[in-house]
Amino acid sequence: MELREIQPLRTVGNAFLVGDGMEPDVRVVTEGIQQVRSTSKVNASEVSSDILSISLTAAT
């Protein structure tokens, strides 16, 4: 597993736009996250080549 930090830019409903830390066409699993603020930091653990598991680690 590879731990990555990604920065969500904004949320739209249950979806969030990420600017850095993600590769194109990567599938994301957002278990346990209901809302991510634009200033939140998120850790992404790589589970396989195309699936990431994300957990909220900080919000300001």
PDB file of N, CA and C in Angstrom:
ATOM      1  N   MET A   1       0.823  -1.186   0.000  1.00  0.00           N
ATOM      2  CA  MET A   1       0.000   0.000   0.000  1.00  0.00           C
ATOM      3  C   MET A   1       0.868   1.250   0.000  1.00  0.00           C
ATOM      4  N   GLU A   2       0.414   2.250  -0.712  1.00  0.00           N
ATOM      5  CA  GLU A   2       1.105   3.530  -0.768  1.00  0.00           C
ATOM      6  C   GLU A   2       0.183   4.603  -0.207  1.00  0.00           C
ATOM      7  N   LEU A   3       0.622   5.286   0.846  1.00  0.00           N
ATOM      8  CA  LEU A   3      -0.177   6.337   1.464  1.00  0.00           C
ATOM      9  C   LEU A   3       0.064   7.649   0.739  1.00  0.00           C
ATOM     10  N   ARG A   4      -1.014   8.296   0.328  1.00  0.00           N
ATOM     11  CA  ARG A   4      -0.904   9.571  -0.378  1.00  0.00           C
ATOM     12  C   ARG A   4      -1.781  10.611   0.297  1.00  0.00           C
ATOM     13  N   GLU A   5      -1.384  11.865   0.215  1.00  0.00           N
ATOM     14  CA  GLU A   5      -2.231  12.960   0.687  1.00  0.00           C
ATOM     15  C   GLU A   5      -2.796  13.673  -0.523  1.00  0.00           C
ATOM     16  N   ILE A   6      -4.118  13.833  -0.545  1.00  0.00           N
ATOM     17  CA  ILE A   6      -4.756  14.561  -1.630  1.00  0.00           C
ATOM     18  C   ILE A   6      -5.503  15.750  -1.050  1.00  0.00           C
ATOM     19  N   GLN A   7      -5.675  16.783  -1.844  1.00  0.00           N
ATOM     20  CA  GLN A   7      -6.308  18.017  -1.388  1.00  0.00           C
ATOM     21  C   GLN A   7      -7.591  18.256  -2.181  1.00  0.00           C
ATOM     22  N   PRO A   8      -8.766  18.049  -1.563  1.00  0.00           N
ATOM     23  CA  PRO A   8     -10.005  18.351  -2.268  1.00  0.00           C
ATOM     24  C   PRO A   8     -10.160  19.853  -2.472  1.00  0.00           C
ATOM     25  N   LEU A   9     -10.539  20.274  -3.682  1.00  0.00           N
ATOM     26  CA  LEU A   9     -10.713  21.692  -3.980  1.00  0.00           C
ATOM     27  C   LEU A   9     -12.107  22.174  -3.608  1.00  0.00           C
ATOM     28  N   ARG A  10     -13.124  21.354  -3.897  1.00  0.00           N
ATOM     29  CA  ARG A  10     -14.492  21.703  -3.528  1.00  0.00           C
ATOM     30  C   ARG A  10     -15.357  20.463  -3.601  1.00  0.00           C
ATOM     31  N   THR A  11     -16.541  20.529  -2.980  1.00  0.00           N
ATOM     32  CA  THR A  11     -17.469  19.409  -3.003  1.00  0.00           C
ATOM     33  C   THR A  11     -18.708  19.773  -3.803  1.00  0.00           C
ATOM     34  N   VAL A  12     -19.296  18.753  -4.412  1.00  0.00           N
ATOM     35  CA  VAL A  12     -20.575  18.887  -5.107  1.00  0.00           C
ATOM     36  C   VAL A  12     -21.406  17.681  -4.703  1.00  0.00           C
ATOM     37  N   GLY A  13     -22.348  17.875  -3.787  1.00  0.00           N
ATOM     38  CA  GLY A  13     -23.116  16.747  -3.264  1.00  0.00           C
ATOM     39  C   GLY A  13     -22.199  15.785  -2.544  1.00  0.00           C
ATOM     40  N   ASN A  14     -22.194  14.529  -2.963  1.00  0.00           N
ATOM     41  CA  ASN A  14     -21.319  13.516  -2.372  1.00  0.00           C
ATOM     42  C   ASN A  14     -19.979  13.407  -3.082  1.00  0.00           C
ATOM     43  N   ALA A  15     -19.790  14.197  -4.134  1.00  0.00           N
ATOM     44  CA  ALA A  15     -18.545  14.141  -4.902  1.00  0.00           C
ATOM     45  C   ALA A  15     -17.632  15.279  -4.497  1.00  0.00           C
ATOM     46  N   PHE A  16     -16.328  15.083  -4.681  1.00  0.00           N
ATOM     47  CA  PHE A  16     -15.396  16.171  -4.428  1.00  0.00           C
ATOM     48  C   PHE A  16     -14.352  16.243  -5.524  1.00  0.00           C
ATOM     49  N   LEU A  17     -13.955  17.469  -5.852  1.00  0.00           N
ATOM     50  CA  LEU A  17     -12.965  17.729  -6.894  1.00  0.00           C
ATOM     51  C   LEU A  17     -11.588  17.788  -6.254  1.00  0.00           C
ATOM     52  N   VAL A  18     -10.650  17.014  -6.787  1.00  0.00           N
ATOM     53  CA  VAL A  18      -9.303  16.937  -6.242  1.00  0.00           C
ATOM     54  C   VAL A  18      -8.329  17.533  -7.244  1.00  0.00           C
ATOM     55  N   GLY A  19      -7.445  18.405  -6.764  1.00  0.00           N
ATOM     56  CA  GLY A  19      -6.495  19.059  -7.650  1.00  0.00           C
ATOM     57  C   GLY A  19      -5.158  18.357  -7.742  1.00  0.00           C
ATOM     58  N   ASP A  20      -4.650  17.831  -6.630  1.00  0.00           N
ATOM     59  CA  ASP A  20      -3.332  17.204  -6.603  1.00  0.00           C
ATOM     60  C   ASP A  20      -3.409  15.859  -5.896  1.00  0.00           C
ATOM     61  N   GLY A  21      -2.476  14.979  -6.223  1.00  0.00           N
ATOM     62  CA  GLY A  21      -2.361  13.707  -5.524  1.00  0.00           C
ATOM     63  C   GLY A  21      -3.123  12.559  -6.145  1.00  0.00           C
ATOM     64  N   MET A  22      -3.829  12.790  -7.245  1.00  0.00           N
ATOM     65  CA  MET A  22      -4.597  11.736  -7.899  1.00  0.00           C
ATOM     66  C   MET A  22      -4.152  11.611  -9.346  1.00  0.00           C
ATOM     67  N   GLU A  23      -4.235  10.408  -9.864  1.00  0.00           N
ATOM     68  CA  GLU A  23      -3.934  10.148 -11.265  1.00  0.00           C
ATOM     69  C   GLU A  23      -5.245  10.092 -12.047  1.00  0.00           C
ATOM     70  N   PRO A  24      -5.218  10.436 -13.341  1.00  0.00           N
ATOM     71  CA  PRO A  24      -6.432  10.333 -14.161  1.00  0.00           C
ATOM     72  C   PRO A  24      -6.960   8.902 -14.198  1.00  0.00           C
ATOM     73  N   ASP A  25      -8.272   8.747 -14.239  1.00  0.00           N
ATOM     74  CA  ASP A  25      -8.958   7.455 -14.357  1.00  0.00           C
ATOM     75  C   ASP A  25      -8.762   6.539 -13.154  1.00  0.00           C
ATOM     76  N   VAL A  26      -8.450   7.071 -11.990  1.00  0.00           N
ATOM     77  CA  VAL A  26      -8.323   6.270 -10.778  1.00  0.00           C
ATOM     78  C   VAL A  26      -9.674   6.221 -10.082  1.00  0.00           C
ATOM     79  N   ARG A  27     -10.113   5.020  -9.708  1.00  0.00           N
ATOM     80  CA  ARG A  27     -11.363   4.870  -8.956  1.00  0.00           C
ATOM     81  C   ARG A  27     -11.091   5.136  -7.481  1.00  0.00           C
ATOM     82  N   VAL A  28     -12.056   5.757  -6.805  1.00  0.00           N
ATOM     83  CA  VAL A  28     -11.875   6.139  -5.407  1.00  0.00           C
ATOM     84  C   VAL A  28     -13.008   5.580  -4.562  1.00  0.00           C
ATOM     85  N   VAL A  29     -12.666   4.984  -3.431  1.00  0.00           N
ATOM     86  CA  VAL A  29     -13.645   4.515  -2.460  1.00  0.00           C
ATOM     87  C   VAL A  29     -13.665   5.513  -1.312  1.00  0.00           C
ATOM     88  N   THR A  30     -14.846   6.043  -0.996  1.00  0.00           N
ATOM     89  CA  THR A  30     -14.941   7.089   0.035  1.00  0.00           C
ATOM     90  C   THR A  30     -15.719   6.590   1.246  1.00  0.00           C
ATOM     91  N   GLU A  31     -15.379   5.429   1.739  1.00  0.00           N
ATOM     92  CA  GLU A  31     -16.060   4.860   2.893  1.00  0.00           C
ATOM     93  C   GLU A  31     -15.882   5.745   4.112  1.00  0.00           C
ATOM     94  N   GLY A  32     -16.979   6.035   4.805  1.00  0.00           N
ATOM     95  CA  GLY A  32     -16.912   6.787   6.045  1.00  0.00           C
ATOM     96  C   GLY A  32     -16.881   8.292   5.881  1.00  0.00           C
ATOM     97  N   ILE A  33     -16.785   8.792   4.660  1.00  0.00           N
ATOM     98  CA  ILE A  33     -16.778  10.241   4.450  1.00  0.00           C
ATOM     99  C   ILE A  33     -18.136  10.663   3.927  1.00  0.00           C
ATOM    100  N   GLN A  34     -18.787  11.583   4.619  1.00  0.00           N
ATOM    101  CA  GLN A  34     -20.063  12.096   4.151  1.00  0.00           C
ATOM    102  C   GLN A  34     -19.912  13.472   3.534  1.00  0.00           C
ATOM    103  N   GLN A  35     -18.987  14.271   4.042  1.00  0.00           N
ATOM    104  CA  GLN A  35     -18.742  15.586   3.468  1.00  0.00           C
ATOM    105  C   GLN A  35     -17.286  15.954   3.694  1.00  0.00           C
ATOM    106  N   VAL A  36     -16.651  16.506   2.681  1.00  0.00           N
ATOM    107  CA  VAL A  36     -15.265  16.942   2.776  1.00  0.00           C
ATOM    108  C   VAL A  36     -15.229  18.432   2.510  1.00  0.00           C
ATOM    109  N   ARG A  37     -14.717  19.195   3.455  1.00  0.00           N
ATOM    110  CA  ARG A  37     -14.607  20.640   3.253  1.00  0.00           C
ATOM    111  C   ARG A  37     -13.461  20.948   2.308  1.00  0.00           C
ATOM    112  N   SER A  38     -13.501  22.113   1.694  1.00  0.00           N
ATOM    113  CA  SER A  38     -12.461  22.474   0.733  1.00  0.00           C
ATOM    114  C   SER A  38     -11.092  22.626   1.388  1.00  0.00           C
ATOM    115  N   THR A  39     -11.057  22.834   2.699  1.00  0.00           N
ATOM    116  CA  THR A  39      -9.779  22.989   3.400  1.00  0.00           C
ATOM    117  C   THR A  39      -9.324  21.697   4.076  1.00  0.00           C
ATOM    118  N   SER A  40     -10.033  20.595   3.864  1.00  0.00           N
ATOM    119  CA  SER A  40      -9.692  19.329   4.497  1.00  0.00           C
ATOM    120  C   SER A  40      -8.500  18.677   3.821  1.00  0.00           C
ATOM    121  N   LYS A  41      -7.738  17.933   4.605  1.00  0.00           N
ATOM    122  CA  LYS A  41      -6.678  17.094   4.051  1.00  0.00           C
ATOM    123  C   LYS A  41      -7.148  15.650   4.138  1.00  0.00           C
ATOM    124  N   VAL A  42      -6.919  14.896   3.086  1.00  0.00           N
ATOM    125  CA  VAL A  42      -7.389  13.519   3.015  1.00  0.00           C
ATOM    126  C   VAL A  42      -6.212  12.601   2.725  1.00  0.00           C
ATOM    127  N   ASN A  43      -6.124  11.492   3.443  1.00  0.00           N
ATOM    128  CA  ASN A  43      -5.117  10.472   3.147  1.00  0.00           C
ATOM    129  C   ASN A  43      -5.733   9.408   2.253  1.00  0.00           C
ATOM    130  N   ALA A  44      -5.016   9.017   1.231  1.00  0.00           N
ATOM    131  CA  ALA A  44      -5.474   7.968   0.327  1.00  0.00           C
ATOM    132  C   ALA A  44      -4.488   6.819   0.366  1.00  0.00           C
ATOM    133  N   SER A  45      -4.967   5.639   0.720  1.00  0.00           N
ATOM    134  CA  SER A  45      -4.129   4.440   0.736  1.00  0.00           C
ATOM    135  C   SER A  45      -4.423   3.630  -0.513  1.00  0.00           C
ATOM    136  N   GLU A  46      -3.406   3.334  -1.273  1.00  0.00           N
ATOM    137  CA  GLU A  46      -3.602   2.583  -2.507  1.00  0.00           C
ATOM    138  C   GLU A  46      -3.821   1.115  -2.184  1.00  0.00           C
ATOM    139  N   VAL A  47      -4.971   0.583  -2.587  1.00  0.00           N
ATOM    140  CA  VAL A  47      -5.320  -0.802  -2.329  1.00  0.00           C
ATOM    141  C   VAL A  47      -4.930  -1.680  -3.511  1.00  0.00           C
ATOM    142  N   SER A  48      -5.164  -1.198  -4.704  1.00  0.00           N
ATOM    143  CA  SER A  48      -4.736  -1.891  -5.916  1.00  0.00           C
ATOM    144  C   SER A  48      -4.352  -0.837  -6.935  1.00  0.00           C
ATOM    145  N   SER A  49      -4.088  -1.252  -8.151  1.00  0.00           N
ATOM    146  CA  SER A  49      -3.618  -0.302  -9.154  1.00  0.00           C
ATOM    147  C   SER A  49      -4.668   0.735  -9.526  1.00  0.00           C
ATOM    148  N   ASP A  50      -5.959   0.452  -9.275  1.00  0.00           N
ATOM    149  CA  ASP A  50      -6.975   1.406  -9.701  1.00  0.00           C
ATOM    150  C   ASP A  50      -8.016   1.737  -8.636  1.00  0.00           C
ATOM    151  N   ILE A  51      -7.794   1.335  -7.383  1.00  0.00           N
ATOM    152  CA  ILE A  51      -8.756   1.643  -6.322  1.00  0.00           C
ATOM    153  C   ILE A  51      -8.019   2.277  -5.149  1.00  0.00           C
ATOM    154  N   LEU A  52      -8.535   3.395  -4.661  1.00  0.00           N
ATOM    155  CA  LEU A  52      -7.965   4.054  -3.487  1.00  0.00           C
ATOM    156  C   LEU A  52      -8.973   4.025  -2.352  1.00  0.00           C
ATOM    157  N   SER A  53      -8.499   3.840  -1.144  1.00  0.00           N
ATOM    158  CA  SER A  53      -9.325   3.942   0.051  1.00  0.00           C
ATOM    159  C   SER A  53      -8.986   5.260   0.723  1.00  0.00           C
ATOM    160  N   ILE A  54      -9.988   6.080   1.002  1.00  0.00           N
ATOM    161  CA  ILE A  54      -9.743   7.434   1.499  1.00  0.00           C
ATOM    162  C   ILE A  54     -10.329   7.603   2.893  1.00  0.00           C
ATOM    163  N   SER A  55      -9.578   8.255   3.771  1.00  0.00           N
ATOM    164  CA  SER A  55     -10.094   8.578   5.100  1.00  0.00           C
ATOM    165  C   SER A  55      -9.767  10.023   5.426  1.00  0.00           C
ATOM    166  N   LEU A  56     -10.714  10.722   6.044  1.00  0.00           N
ATOM    167  CA  LEU A  56     -10.526  12.118   6.418  1.00  0.00           C
ATOM    168  C   LEU A  56      -9.587  12.197   7.606  1.00  0.00           C
ATOM    169  N   THR A  57      -8.544  13.026   7.512  1.00  0.00           N
ATOM    170  CA  THR A  57      -7.575  13.115   8.595  1.00  0.00           C
ATOM    171  C   THR A  57      -7.554  14.466   9.287  1.00  0.00           C
ATOM    172  N   ALA A  58      -7.993  15.530   8.625  1.00  0.00           N
ATOM    173  CA  ALA A  58      -7.967  16.849   9.251  1.00  0.00           C
ATOM    174  C   ALA A  58      -8.929  17.779   8.541  1.00  0.00           C
ATOM    175  N   ALA A  59      -9.500  18.698   9.293  1.00  0.00           N
ATOM    176  CA  ALA A  59     -10.364  19.726   8.706  1.00  0.00           C
ATOM    177  C   ALA A  59     -10.114  21.028   9.440  1.00  0.00           C
ATOM    178  N   THR A  60     -10.092  22.119   8.705  1.00  0.00           N
ATOM    179  CA  THR A  60      -9.881  23.418   9.329  1.00  0.00           C
ATOM    180  C   THR A  60     -11.092  24.294   9.143  1.00  0.00           C
TER     181      THR A  60
END
